[in-house]
Amino acid sequence: MKKLNLPRKTNIIIGLFVVAIFIFVIFINTKSFSPTTTPPGQKSAVVFPEVTTYINNPNQFIWQIDSLNLPEEINIVSIKQNTQAETILKNLKEKLGFKGTSETIPNSPLIFYNNLLESTNIYLNKDENFIQFSLNLLEKPLPKNTASKPLDSINQDTLDLLQKTLNLSSSVSITKNSTNYQKIIGPRYVNTTSDEADLVRSTYSYSINSLPVLFPKGNSIETTHSLSGKLIKLSLNLPFESPKQESLKKVKTIKEIKATPVSQFVTIILSGNEQFTLSDQEIDIDTAIINNGFLGYLYNHTTTTISPYIFLTGLTENEQFGEIEILLTIPAIE
C-alpha cells in the first residue's frame, strides 16, 4: 500500500482532532463516587462514602479464610482536601521534562497539555484531584533491543519522582503494592511472563500507620514503564492534606464480615487475561472464592474523613475468560 505524505498543517489538524476526542472521553468518563450527606442540624460521627462502580457483584461467596489480622479498634482520620493540584502538575511536568502546549477547554475541570512531536500528554482533572501522564506507543513505539533496567531501580526512580512532586505530610508514606509484567497487543497492555514482557506495571498506595489508603477504583498510584525504565503511563490520585487521627471505633470481626449479605459488598476491581477488557467488567459473576483480606482506608476526595474498610481479594471463574481476580470492599466499622 502506498504511504500518504500529508502536509504538516494537515497532520497538525488531525492531531488536534484526536486530542479533542481524547479530552471529550476523559470528561465524560468521570469516576463514580458519591459522598454521603448529613441532613441539616444533625451530626454524623462517621461518614462513609457510597462506593458506586459499574462492576456486578457476585451472587455468592465461598470463604477460604477463617481469620483476618484485624485490630479490635481503629481510628477515624480527618483530612483536608488537596489544594496543591496545579502546583503538583507543574512540578511533575518539570521533573518529567515535559514540553507541550496547553489546550483550552472552556467550562471544564481539565487542564490539558499535549506534545504531538513526542506523542505524550498530561492532564489534571481539578474536580477529581487526578493527574495522568501517558505516552502513545502506537504513535511512538519503543526502540528494540534496549538494555533492561533492574526493577528495584525503576521502583526507586518512581518513589523519588513522587516524593519530589507531591510534598507529602510527614505522617503519610508511599509503599509499593505490586509489580507485574505486561506485553503490548495493539492498544492494550496485558499481563504476561518476564520472558515475553515489553512493559512493567506497578501499583502504589499512600499509607497511614502502615495501613494502605485505597481509592474508589483501587490503587492510589499506577505506573507503566518500559523494561529500560522509560515512563509510559502514570495515573496519580492526589493525596490528602493534614491527616489527624480522631476517635477510635470498633472493628467488625471476621464472623460479622462473613455474615454480611453479599449485596452489601462492593466490587472495586476485576482483572483477567488478555481476552478480558474493561467493558467485560459488567459480566455476571456467580461465585467468588475469597482467599485473603486486609484492613485499610478508603478515600473519597470530596469528604473530610478517611474511613476504614475491609478489602477482600479472591478469584472467580468465567466460561469465556477463565480465572478472574476480584477485589471487594465493605466498611470496617458499624
Protein backbone atom coordinates (compact mmCIF):
# COMPACT_ATOMS: atom_id res chain seq x y z
CA MET A 1 0.00 0.00 0.00
CA LYS A 2 1.36 3.42 -0.92
CA LYS A 3 2.03 5.67 2.04
CA LEU A 4 0.26 9.04 2.00
CA ASN A 5 2.52 12.02 2.69
CA LEU A 6 0.16 14.58 4.19
CA PRO A 7 1.13 18.25 4.58
CA ARG A 8 2.37 19.26 8.01
CA LYS A 9 -0.66 21.52 8.53
CA THR A 10 -2.99 18.59 7.82
CA ASN A 11 -1.09 16.42 10.31
CA ILE A 12 -1.47 19.08 13.00
CA ILE A 13 -5.20 19.40 12.33
CA ILE A 14 -5.62 15.63 12.55
CA GLY A 15 -3.60 15.57 15.75
CA LEU A 16 -5.71 18.29 17.33
CA PHE A 17 -8.88 16.46 16.29
CA VAL A 18 -7.64 13.29 18.02
CA VAL A 19 -6.78 15.33 21.13
CA ALA A 20 -10.29 16.83 21.14
CA ILE A 21 -11.84 13.36 21.06
CA PHE A 22 -9.49 12.19 23.83
CA ILE A 23 -10.43 15.15 26.03
CA PHE A 24 -14.12 14.51 25.46
CA VAL A 25 -13.75 10.87 26.52
CA ILE A 26 -11.87 11.90 29.66
CA PHE A 27 -14.53 14.46 30.51
CA ILE A 28 -17.48 12.05 30.27
CA ASN A 29 -15.63 9.17 31.92
CA THR A 30 -15.64 10.66 35.41
CA LYS A 31 -15.20 8.48 38.48
CA SER A 32 -18.45 7.36 40.03
CA PHE A 33 -18.16 8.16 43.71
CA SER A 34 -20.93 9.93 45.61
CA PRO A 35 -20.44 11.30 49.13
CA THR A 36 -22.99 10.60 51.83
CA THR A 37 -24.69 13.76 53.04
CA THR A 38 -26.00 14.52 56.54
CA PRO A 39 -29.35 16.34 56.96
CA PRO A 40 -29.11 19.92 58.34
CA GLY A 41 -28.97 20.06 62.10
CA GLN A 42 -27.70 16.50 62.50
CA LYS A 43 -24.15 15.40 63.27
CA SER A 44 -22.62 12.20 61.97
CA ALA A 45 -19.57 10.78 63.75
CA VAL A 46 -18.53 8.77 60.71
CA VAL A 47 -19.47 9.47 57.11
CA PHE A 48 -18.93 6.55 54.75
CA PRO A 49 -18.76 7.27 51.07
CA GLU A 50 -21.25 5.43 48.88
CA VAL A 51 -18.99 3.44 46.60
CA THR A 52 -20.52 3.02 43.16
CA THR A 53 -18.99 1.08 40.30
CA TYR A 54 -20.31 -0.47 37.13
CA ILE A 55 -18.99 -3.91 38.10
CA ASN A 56 -21.53 -6.56 39.04
CA ASN A 57 -21.37 -8.19 42.44
CA PRO A 58 -21.03 -11.97 42.82
CA ASN A 59 -24.17 -13.89 43.67
CA GLN A 60 -22.40 -15.80 46.44
CA PHE A 61 -19.09 -16.23 48.25
CA ILE A 62 -17.06 -19.31 49.09
CA TRP A 63 -14.93 -18.39 52.08
CA GLN A 64 -11.46 -19.91 52.26
CA ILE A 65 -10.40 -17.80 55.23
CA ASP A 66 -11.43 -18.20 58.85
CA SER A 67 -9.49 -15.25 60.24
CA LEU A 68 -8.01 -11.88 59.32
CA ASN A 69 -5.34 -9.88 61.10
CA LEU A 70 -7.67 -7.17 62.42
CA PRO A 71 -7.34 -4.89 65.46
CA GLU A 72 -10.23 -4.50 67.88
CA GLU A 73 -10.40 -0.76 67.21
CA ILE A 74 -9.27 1.72 64.55
CA ASN A 75 -9.08 5.48 64.31
CA ILE A 76 -11.19 7.58 62.01
CA VAL A 77 -8.84 10.01 60.21
CA SER A 78 -9.88 13.57 59.45
CA ILE A 79 -8.19 15.24 56.50
CA LYS A 80 -8.22 18.34 54.35
CA GLN A 81 -8.63 18.25 50.61
CA ASN A 82 -5.53 18.73 48.50
CA THR A 83 -5.25 22.36 47.40
CA GLN A 84 -1.93 21.99 45.55
CA ALA A 85 -3.15 20.24 42.39
CA GLU A 86 -1.90 22.81 39.90
CA THR A 87 1.43 23.12 41.72
CA ILE A 88 1.83 19.33 41.66
CA LEU A 89 1.03 19.31 37.94
CA LYS A 90 3.70 21.96 37.37
CA ASN A 91 6.23 20.02 39.49
CA LEU A 92 5.50 16.81 37.62
CA LYS A 93 5.90 18.45 34.23
CA GLU A 94 9.27 19.87 35.27
CA LYS A 95 10.54 16.58 36.73
CA LEU A 96 9.49 14.69 33.59
CA GLY A 97 10.95 17.34 31.31
CA PHE A 98 7.55 17.61 29.63
CA LYS A 99 7.33 20.32 26.98
CA GLY A 100 3.96 20.76 25.35
CA THR A 101 1.21 23.21 24.55
CA SER A 102 -1.83 23.84 26.73
CA GLU A 103 -5.26 23.01 25.35
CA THR A 104 -8.03 25.37 26.44
CA ILE A 105 -11.21 23.59 27.49
CA PRO A 106 -13.98 26.09 28.39
CA ASN A 107 -16.26 25.18 31.32
CA SER A 108 -14.20 22.07 32.06
CA PRO A 109 -12.29 20.91 35.16
CA LEU A 110 -9.44 19.71 32.91
CA ILE A 111 -6.03 21.30 32.45
CA PHE A 112 -4.55 19.50 29.45
CA TYR A 113 -1.10 19.64 27.83
CA ASN A 114 -0.17 17.86 24.64
CA ASN A 115 3.11 17.23 22.84
CA LEU A 116 2.42 15.98 19.31
CA LEU A 117 6.09 15.53 18.48
CA GLU A 118 6.71 13.23 21.45
CA SER A 119 3.21 11.65 21.36
CA THR A 120 2.76 12.45 25.05
CA ASN A 121 0.10 14.24 27.03
CA ILE A 122 -0.56 15.14 30.64
CA TYR A 123 -3.75 16.38 32.23
CA LEU A 124 -5.21 17.36 35.59
CA ASN A 125 -8.86 16.84 36.50
CA LYS A 126 -9.37 19.51 39.17
CA ASP A 127 -12.75 18.15 40.23
CA GLU A 128 -11.29 14.73 40.98
CA ASN A 129 -7.74 15.74 42.03
CA PHE A 130 -6.41 13.29 39.49
CA ILE A 131 -3.39 13.59 37.17
CA GLN A 132 -2.43 11.33 34.29
CA PHE A 133 0.62 11.29 32.03
CA SER A 134 0.79 8.97 29.04
CA LEU A 135 2.91 8.14 26.01
CA ASN A 136 1.09 6.78 22.95
CA LEU A 137 3.07 3.70 21.93
CA LEU A 138 1.01 3.29 18.77
CA GLU A 139 2.43 6.59 17.51
CA LYS A 140 5.88 6.27 19.09
CA PRO A 141 6.83 2.59 19.53
CA LEU A 142 9.54 1.55 21.95
CA PRO A 143 13.03 1.09 20.48
CA LYS A 144 14.05 -2.53 20.18
CA ASN A 145 16.96 -4.32 21.87
CA THR A 146 17.42 -1.77 24.65
CA ALA A 147 19.06 -2.88 27.89
CA SER A 148 16.71 -3.72 30.75
CA LYS A 149 16.83 -1.74 33.98
CA PRO A 150 16.55 -3.57 37.34
CA LEU A 151 13.04 -3.48 38.79
CA ASP A 152 14.34 -2.10 42.08
CA SER A 153 15.86 0.87 40.23
CA ILE A 154 12.60 1.57 38.37
CA ASN A 155 10.72 1.42 41.67
CA GLN A 156 13.19 3.76 43.38
CA ASP A 157 13.03 6.22 40.46
CA THR A 158 9.23 6.28 40.83
CA LEU A 159 9.36 6.86 44.58
CA ASP A 160 11.92 9.66 44.12
CA LEU A 161 9.72 11.31 41.48
CA LEU A 162 6.64 11.15 43.71
CA GLN A 163 8.42 12.40 46.81
CA LYS A 164 9.82 15.40 44.93
CA THR A 165 6.47 16.16 43.33
CA LEU A 166 3.77 15.61 45.95
CA ASN A 167 5.05 17.39 49.10
CA LEU A 168 3.54 14.72 51.36
CA SER A 169 2.68 15.18 55.00
CA SER A 170 5.22 13.54 57.35
CA SER A 171 2.55 11.09 58.57
CA VAL A 172 1.81 9.84 55.05
CA SER A 173 4.11 7.42 53.22
CA ILE A 174 4.07 5.72 49.83
CA THR A 175 4.50 1.98 49.53
CA LYS A 176 4.63 -0.28 46.51
CA ASN A 177 1.84 -2.86 46.37
CA SER A 178 2.60 -4.95 43.32
CA THR A 179 4.60 -5.28 40.12
CA ASN A 180 3.73 -7.38 37.10
CA TYR A 181 5.00 -7.77 33.55
CA GLN A 182 2.92 -6.82 30.52
CA LYS A 183 3.10 -7.18 26.77
CA ILE A 184 1.69 -4.88 24.08
CA ILE A 185 -1.19 -6.17 21.98
CA GLY A 186 -2.41 -3.34 19.74
CA PRO A 187 -3.64 -0.54 22.00
CA ARG A 188 -3.77 -2.82 25.06
CA TYR A 189 -1.28 -3.86 27.73
CA VAL A 190 -1.94 -7.37 29.07
CA ASN A 191 -0.25 -9.38 31.81
CA THR A 192 2.42 -11.83 30.74
CA THR A 193 5.65 -13.52 31.85
CA SER A 194 9.03 -11.80 32.17
CA ASP A 195 10.25 -13.61 29.04
CA GLU A 196 7.53 -12.11 26.83
CA ALA A 197 7.31 -8.72 28.55
CA ASP A 198 7.52 -5.30 26.91
CA LEU A 199 6.47 -3.32 29.98
CA VAL A 200 6.46 -3.27 33.78
CA ARG A 201 3.33 -2.16 35.64
CA SER A 202 3.48 -1.23 39.32
CA THR A 203 0.91 -0.06 41.83
CA TYR A 204 1.46 2.12 44.90
CA SER A 205 -0.60 3.25 47.87
CA TYR A 206 -0.45 6.08 50.32
CA SER A 207 -0.27 4.69 53.85
CA ILE A 208 -1.25 5.95 57.30
CA ASN A 209 0.01 3.98 60.31
CA SER A 210 1.17 1.28 57.89
CA LEU A 211 -2.39 0.82 56.58
CA PRO A 212 -2.93 1.34 52.83
CA VAL A 213 -5.25 4.05 51.54
CA LEU A 214 -7.22 2.93 48.50
CA PHE A 215 -9.38 4.93 46.11
CA PRO A 216 -12.79 4.01 44.66
CA LYS A 217 -11.17 2.33 41.67
CA GLY A 218 -8.33 0.73 43.58
CA ASN A 219 -4.74 1.89 43.91
CA SER A 220 -3.60 5.40 44.78
CA ILE A 221 -0.96 5.38 42.04
CA GLU A 222 -0.27 3.22 38.99
CA THR A 223 2.76 3.36 36.71
CA THR A 224 3.80 1.66 33.50
CA HIS A 225 7.44 1.65 32.39
CA SER A 226 9.36 0.14 29.53
CA LEU A 227 11.87 -2.54 30.52
CA SER A 228 14.58 0.10 30.08
CA GLY A 229 12.88 2.33 32.67
CA LYS A 230 11.12 4.84 30.40
CA LEU A 231 7.85 6.10 31.88
CA ILE A 232 4.92 5.17 29.64
CA LYS A 233 2.00 5.99 31.90
CA LEU A 234 1.40 7.48 35.34
CA SER A 235 -2.05 7.60 36.95
CA LEU A 236 -1.90 9.69 40.09
CA ASN A 237 -4.70 10.24 42.61
CA LEU A 238 -3.51 13.25 44.58
CA PRO A 239 -3.00 12.78 48.32
CA PHE A 240 -4.97 14.41 51.11
CA GLU A 241 -3.53 17.02 53.44
CA SER A 242 -3.21 17.39 57.24
CA PRO A 243 -4.31 13.88 58.35
CA LYS A 244 -5.33 13.76 62.00
CA GLN A 245 -6.39 10.70 63.98
CA GLU A 246 -9.79 11.10 65.59
CA SER A 247 -11.93 8.83 67.79
CA LEU A 248 -11.47 5.07 67.96
CA LYS A 249 -14.17 2.83 66.54
CA LYS A 250 -14.74 -0.90 67.00
CA VAL A 251 -13.72 -3.04 64.02
CA LYS A 252 -16.01 -5.80 62.75
CA THR A 253 -14.95 -9.36 63.47
CA ILE A 254 -14.41 -11.92 60.73
CA LYS A 255 -17.62 -13.60 61.92
CA GLU A 256 -19.58 -10.38 61.36
CA ILE A 257 -17.96 -9.85 57.95
CA LYS A 258 -18.82 -13.35 56.76
CA ALA A 259 -22.40 -12.92 57.98
CA THR A 260 -22.86 -9.78 55.90
CA PRO A 261 -25.11 -10.25 52.83
CA VAL A 262 -23.19 -10.37 49.54
CA SER A 263 -25.27 -7.46 48.24
CA GLN A 264 -23.66 -5.12 50.80
CA PHE A 265 -20.15 -5.66 49.43
CA VAL A 266 -18.90 -3.55 46.52
CA THR A 267 -16.73 -4.96 43.74
CA ILE A 268 -13.94 -2.46 43.02
CA ILE A 269 -11.69 -4.27 40.57
CA LEU A 270 -11.83 -7.23 38.22
CA SER A 271 -8.73 -8.26 36.29
CA GLY A 272 -8.24 -11.15 33.91
CA ASN A 273 -6.30 -12.48 30.95
CA GLU A 274 -5.58 -10.80 27.64
CA GLN A 275 -9.09 -11.50 26.31
CA PHE A 276 -10.63 -9.66 29.26
CA THR A 277 -11.30 -5.98 28.58
CA LEU A 278 -12.65 -3.06 30.60
CA SER A 279 -16.12 -3.43 29.08
CA ASP A 280 -16.20 -7.07 30.15
CA GLN A 281 -16.33 -6.00 33.80
CA GLU A 282 -20.12 -5.93 33.53
CA ILE A 283 -20.20 -9.74 33.27
CA ASP A 284 -22.42 -11.68 35.67
CA ILE A 285 -20.45 -13.33 38.46
CA ASP A 286 -21.95 -16.40 40.07
CA THR A 287 -19.43 -17.34 42.75
CA ALA A 288 -16.32 -15.65 44.14
CA ILE A 289 -13.79 -17.58 46.21
CA ILE A 290 -12.50 -15.26 48.97
CA ASN A 291 -8.91 -16.21 49.78
CA ASN A 292 -7.49 -13.18 51.60
CA GLY A 293 -8.24 -9.76 53.00
CA PHE A 294 -6.76 -6.74 54.72
CA LEU A 295 -7.70 -3.60 56.63
CA GLY A 296 -7.19 -0.20 55.07
CA TYR A 297 -8.77 3.16 54.38
CA LEU A 298 -10.96 4.28 51.51
CA TYR A 299 -10.52 7.88 50.44
CA ASN A 300 -13.07 9.99 48.63
CA HIS A 301 -11.66 13.36 47.56
CA THR A 302 -14.97 15.09 48.42
CA THR A 303 -15.11 14.10 52.11
CA THR A 304 -13.29 15.35 55.21
CA THR A 305 -12.65 11.91 56.69
CA ILE A 306 -10.85 8.77 55.60
CA SER A 307 -12.96 5.77 56.51
CA PRO A 308 -11.66 2.31 57.46
CA TYR A 309 -12.71 -0.53 55.15
CA ILE A 310 -12.16 -4.27 54.91
CA PHE A 311 -10.81 -5.24 51.48
CA LEU A 312 -11.26 -8.82 50.29
CA THR A 313 -9.38 -10.50 47.46
CA GLY A 314 -10.40 -13.61 45.63
CA LEU A 315 -10.99 -15.46 42.38
CA THR A 316 -13.94 -16.22 40.16
CA GLU A 317 -14.38 -18.37 37.07
CA ASN A 318 -15.97 -17.31 33.80
CA GLU A 319 -16.75 -19.60 30.84
CA GLN A 320 -15.36 -17.10 28.33
CA PHE A 321 -12.42 -15.59 30.22
CA GLY A 322 -11.38 -18.30 32.65
CA GLU A 323 -9.96 -17.26 36.02
CA ILE A 324 -10.56 -13.63 37.07
CA GLU A 325 -9.18 -11.85 40.12
CA ILE A 326 -11.59 -9.79 42.20
CA LEU A 327 -11.28 -7.08 44.87
CA LEU A 328 -14.28 -6.24 47.05
CA THR A 329 -14.79 -3.94 49.98
CA ILE A 330 -17.11 -3.26 52.91
CA PRO A 331 -16.99 -0.73 55.81
CA ALA A 332 -14.82 -1.99 58.66
CA ILE A 333 -16.98 -0.46 61.40
CA GLU A 334 -20.71 -0.18 62.04
